[in-house]
Structure formats: structure tokens, C-alpha cells
C-alpha atoms as a PDB file:
ATOM      1  CA  UNK A   1      -2.257  -5.212  -2.638  1.00  0.00           C
ATOM      2  CA  UNK A   2      -4.639  -8.109  -3.340  1.00  0.00           C
ATOM      3  CA  UNK A   3      -6.028  -8.090   0.191  1.00  0.00           C
ATOM      4  CA  UNK A   4      -7.137  -4.452   0.089  1.00  0.00           C
ATOM      5  CA  UNK A   5      -9.981  -4.629  -2.451  1.00  0.00           C
ATOM      6  CA  UNK A   6     -11.628  -7.803  -1.095  1.00  0.00           C
ATOM      7  CA  UNK A   7     -11.456  -6.353   2.418  1.00  0.00           C
ATOM      8  CA  UNK A   8     -13.042  -3.011   1.496  1.00  0.00           C
ATOM      9  CA  UNK A   9     -15.311  -3.531  -1.511  1.00  0.00           C
ATOM     10  CA  UNK A  10     -18.668  -4.956  -0.390  1.00  0.00           C
ATOM     11  CA  UNK A  11     -19.936  -5.534  -3.960  1.00  0.00           C
ATOM     12  CA  UNK A  12     -17.470  -8.408  -4.468  1.00  0.00           C
ATOM     13  CA  UNK A  13     -18.779 -11.954  -4.019  1.00  0.00           C
ATOM     14  CA  UNK A  14     -15.526 -13.898  -4.416  1.00  0.00           C
ATOM     15  CA  UNK A  15     -11.798 -13.167  -4.503  1.00  0.00           C
ATOM     16  CA  UNK A  16      -9.125 -14.694  -6.750  1.00  0.00           C
ATOM     17  CA  UNK A  17      -5.601 -13.564  -5.884  1.00  0.00           C
ATOM     18  CA  UNK A  18      -2.848 -14.421  -8.369  1.00  0.00           C
ATOM     19  CA  UNK A  19       0.746 -14.003  -7.231  1.00  0.00           C
ATOM     20  CA  UNK A  20      -0.267 -12.702  -3.815  1.00  0.00           C
ATOM     21  CA  UNK A  21       1.582 -12.572  -0.513  1.00  0.00           C
ATOM     22  CA  UNK A  22       2.739 -10.389   2.329  1.00  0.00           C
ATOM     23  CA  UNK A  23       5.352  -7.770   1.530  1.00  0.00           C
ATOM     24  CA  UNK A  24       8.833  -8.478   2.853  1.00  0.00           C
ATOM     25  CA  UNK A  25       9.668  -4.815   3.397  1.00  0.00           C
ATOM     26  CA  UNK A  26       8.360  -2.235   5.807  1.00  0.00           C
ATOM     27  CA  UNK A  27       5.425  -0.498   4.205  1.00  0.00           C
ATOM     28  CA  UNK A  28       2.975   2.103   5.336  1.00  0.00           C
ATOM     29  CA  UNK A  29       0.354   0.469   7.583  1.00  0.00           C
ATOM     30  CA  UNK A  30      -2.532   1.927   5.593  1.00  0.00           C
ATOM     31  CA  UNK A  31      -1.525  -0.145   2.526  1.00  0.00           C
ATOM     32  CA  UNK A  32       0.109  -3.173   4.159  1.00  0.00           C
ATOM     33  CA  UNK A  33      -1.660  -6.467   3.355  1.00  0.00           C
ATOM     34  CA  UNK A  34      -1.044  -7.723   6.885  1.00  0.00           C
ATOM     35  CA  UNK A  35      -3.615  -5.185   8.128  1.00  0.00           C
ATOM     36  CA  UNK A  36      -6.237  -6.093   5.507  1.00  0.00           C
ATOM     37  CA  UNK A  37      -5.968  -9.898   5.201  1.00  0.00           C
ATOM     38  CA  UNK A  38      -7.899 -10.610   8.443  1.00  0.00           C
ATOM     39  CA  UNK A  39     -10.749  -8.450   7.103  1.00  0.00           C
ATOM     40  CA  UNK A  40     -11.108 -10.532   3.913  1.00  0.00           C
ATOM     41  CA  UNK A  41     -14.102 -12.785   4.531  1.00  0.00           C
ATOM     42  CA  UNK A  42     -15.052 -13.620   0.925  1.00  0.00           C
ATOM     43  CA  UNK A  43     -14.492 -17.081  -0.528  1.00  0.00           C
ATOM     44  CA  UNK A  44     -10.895 -16.770  -1.749  1.00  0.00           C
ATOM     45  CA  UNK A  45      -8.649 -18.667  -4.123  1.00  0.00           C
ATOM     46  CA  UNK A  46      -4.930 -17.828  -4.060  1.00  0.00           C
ATOM     47  CA  UNK A  47      -2.947 -18.905  -7.134  1.00  0.00           C
ATOM     48  CA  UNK A  48       0.771 -18.681  -6.545  1.00  0.00           C
ATOM     49  CA  UNK A  49       4.074 -19.931  -7.874  1.00  0.00           C
ATOM     50  CA  UNK A  50       6.208 -22.246  -5.774  1.00  0.00           C
ATOM     51  CA  UNK A  51       9.393 -20.433  -6.865  1.00  0.00           C
ATOM     52  CA  UNK A  52       8.031 -16.880  -6.526  1.00  0.00           C
ATOM     53  CA  UNK A  53      10.938 -14.545  -5.680  1.00  0.00           C
ATOM     54  CA  UNK A  54       8.683 -11.553  -4.837  1.00  0.00           C
ATOM     55  CA  UNK A  55       6.462 -13.497  -2.439  1.00  0.00           C
ATOM     56  CA  UNK A  56       8.286 -16.621  -1.193  1.00  0.00           C
ATOM     57  CA  UNK A  57       6.014 -19.549  -0.345  1.00  0.00           C
ATOM     58  CA  UNK A  58       6.963 -20.129   3.298  1.00  0.00           C
ATOM     59  CA  UNK A  59       7.567 -16.525   4.397  1.00  0.00           C
ATOM     60  CA  UNK A  60       4.962 -14.614   2.401  1.00  0.00           C
ATOM     61  CA  UNK A  61       2.263 -16.690   0.674  1.00  0.00           C
ATOM     62  CA  UNK A  62       1.422 -19.154   3.438  1.00  0.00           C
ATOM     63  CA  UNK A  63       1.361 -16.485   6.195  1.00  0.00           C
ATOM     64  CA  UNK A  64      -1.028 -14.340   4.134  1.00  0.00           C
ATOM     65  CA  UNK A  65      -3.235 -17.357   3.451  1.00  0.00           C
ATOM     66  CA  UNK A  66      -3.394 -18.167   7.177  1.00  0.00           C
ATOM     67  CA  UNK A  67      -4.222 -14.530   8.012  1.00  0.00           C
ATOM     68  CA  UNK A  68      -7.215 -14.359   5.673  1.00  0.00           C
ATOM     69  CA  UNK A  69     -10.416 -13.940   7.668  1.00  0.00           C
ATOM     70  CA  UNK A  70     -12.230 -16.297   5.308  1.00  0.00           C
ATOM     71  CA  UNK A  71     -13.339 -19.547   6.975  1.00  0.00           C
ATOM     72  CA  UNK A  72     -11.026 -22.455   6.097  1.00  0.00           C
ATOM     73  CA  UNK A  73     -13.689 -24.277   4.096  1.00  0.00           C
ATOM     74  CA  UNK A  74     -14.050 -21.228   1.812  1.00  0.00           C
ATOM     75  CA  UNK A  75     -10.405 -20.541   1.002  1.00  0.00           C
ATOM     76  CA  UNK A  76      -7.804 -22.442  -1.002  1.00  0.00           C
ATOM     77  CA  UNK A  77      -4.141 -21.972  -1.855  1.00  0.00           C
ATOM     78  CA  UNK A  78      -3.102 -23.520  -5.185  1.00  0.00           C
ATOM     79  CA  UNK A  79       0.619 -23.656  -5.907  1.00  0.00           C
ATOM     80  CA  UNK A  80       2.021 -24.147  -9.415  1.00  0.00           C
ATOM     81  CA  UNK A  81       5.613 -25.075 -10.240  1.00  0.00           C
ATOM     82  CA  UNK A  82       6.478 -21.595 -11.512  1.00  0.00           C
ATOM     83  CA  UNK A  83       7.800 -18.250 -10.369  1.00  0.00           C
ATOM     84  CA  UNK A  84       5.813 -15.090  -9.655  1.00  0.00           C
ATOM     85  CA  UNK A  85       3.658 -15.146 -12.802  1.00  0.00           C
ATOM     86  CA  UNK A  86       1.045 -17.894 -12.912  1.00  0.00           C
ATOM     87  CA  UNK A  87       0.631 -19.062 -16.542  1.00  0.00           C
ATOM     88  CA  UNK A  88      -2.627 -18.141 -18.274  1.00  0.00           C
ATOM     89  CA  UNK A  89      -3.833 -21.773 -18.676  1.00  0.00           C
ATOM     90  CA  UNK A  90      -3.722 -22.255 -14.890  1.00  0.00           C
ATOM     91  CA  UNK A  91      -5.362 -18.873 -14.302  1.00  0.00           C
ATOM     92  CA  UNK A  92      -8.294 -19.613 -16.591  1.00  0.00           C
ATOM     93  CA  UNK A  93      -8.675 -23.186 -15.350  1.00  0.00           C
END
């Protein structure tokens, strides 16, 4: 759901997505991140866990990162050696 707000809300200046990725199941197109990610053009930081079981790195996180409409120089994917929840120290850093 992290791609919906940055794609629609024009008041936002930057996007930080923690534990984000594309859903593995079939969802309704009006709430599927795959339809919103290309519309995200804000500078975006994705913070994800390498061992995330909800959003696996290779099949969910990296595809969503590639789909973001943000220019490559304004987006970054940071991976921590954790699961789905990124620890607070890494979030605040």
C-alpha cells in the first residue's frame, strides 16, 4: 500500500517506504501497488529486510523498486539483514 499515497497525494515532497513490495497474491487493481508504483515520481527511499517473508527481495521488493516512476538518481533501496520489520535504529538513521 506504500505506493498509493505517494502516487496520489500532491502535498508530499518525499517518500520513505519501510517494508514495501509488490503483493504476491491477486488483488483488486484499484489497490494493487503494481498500478501505482509507476506514478510515484517523488524522491523515494525504500527500507527493506533481506529476509522479508511478506515481500521477498527478488520477487517483490526489487520489482517494485524498478517500477517506481522516480528517476534513478532520486530513489534508493536500502536492505538490512532482517525480516519484514526494519529495526527502529535503521529507520531513524
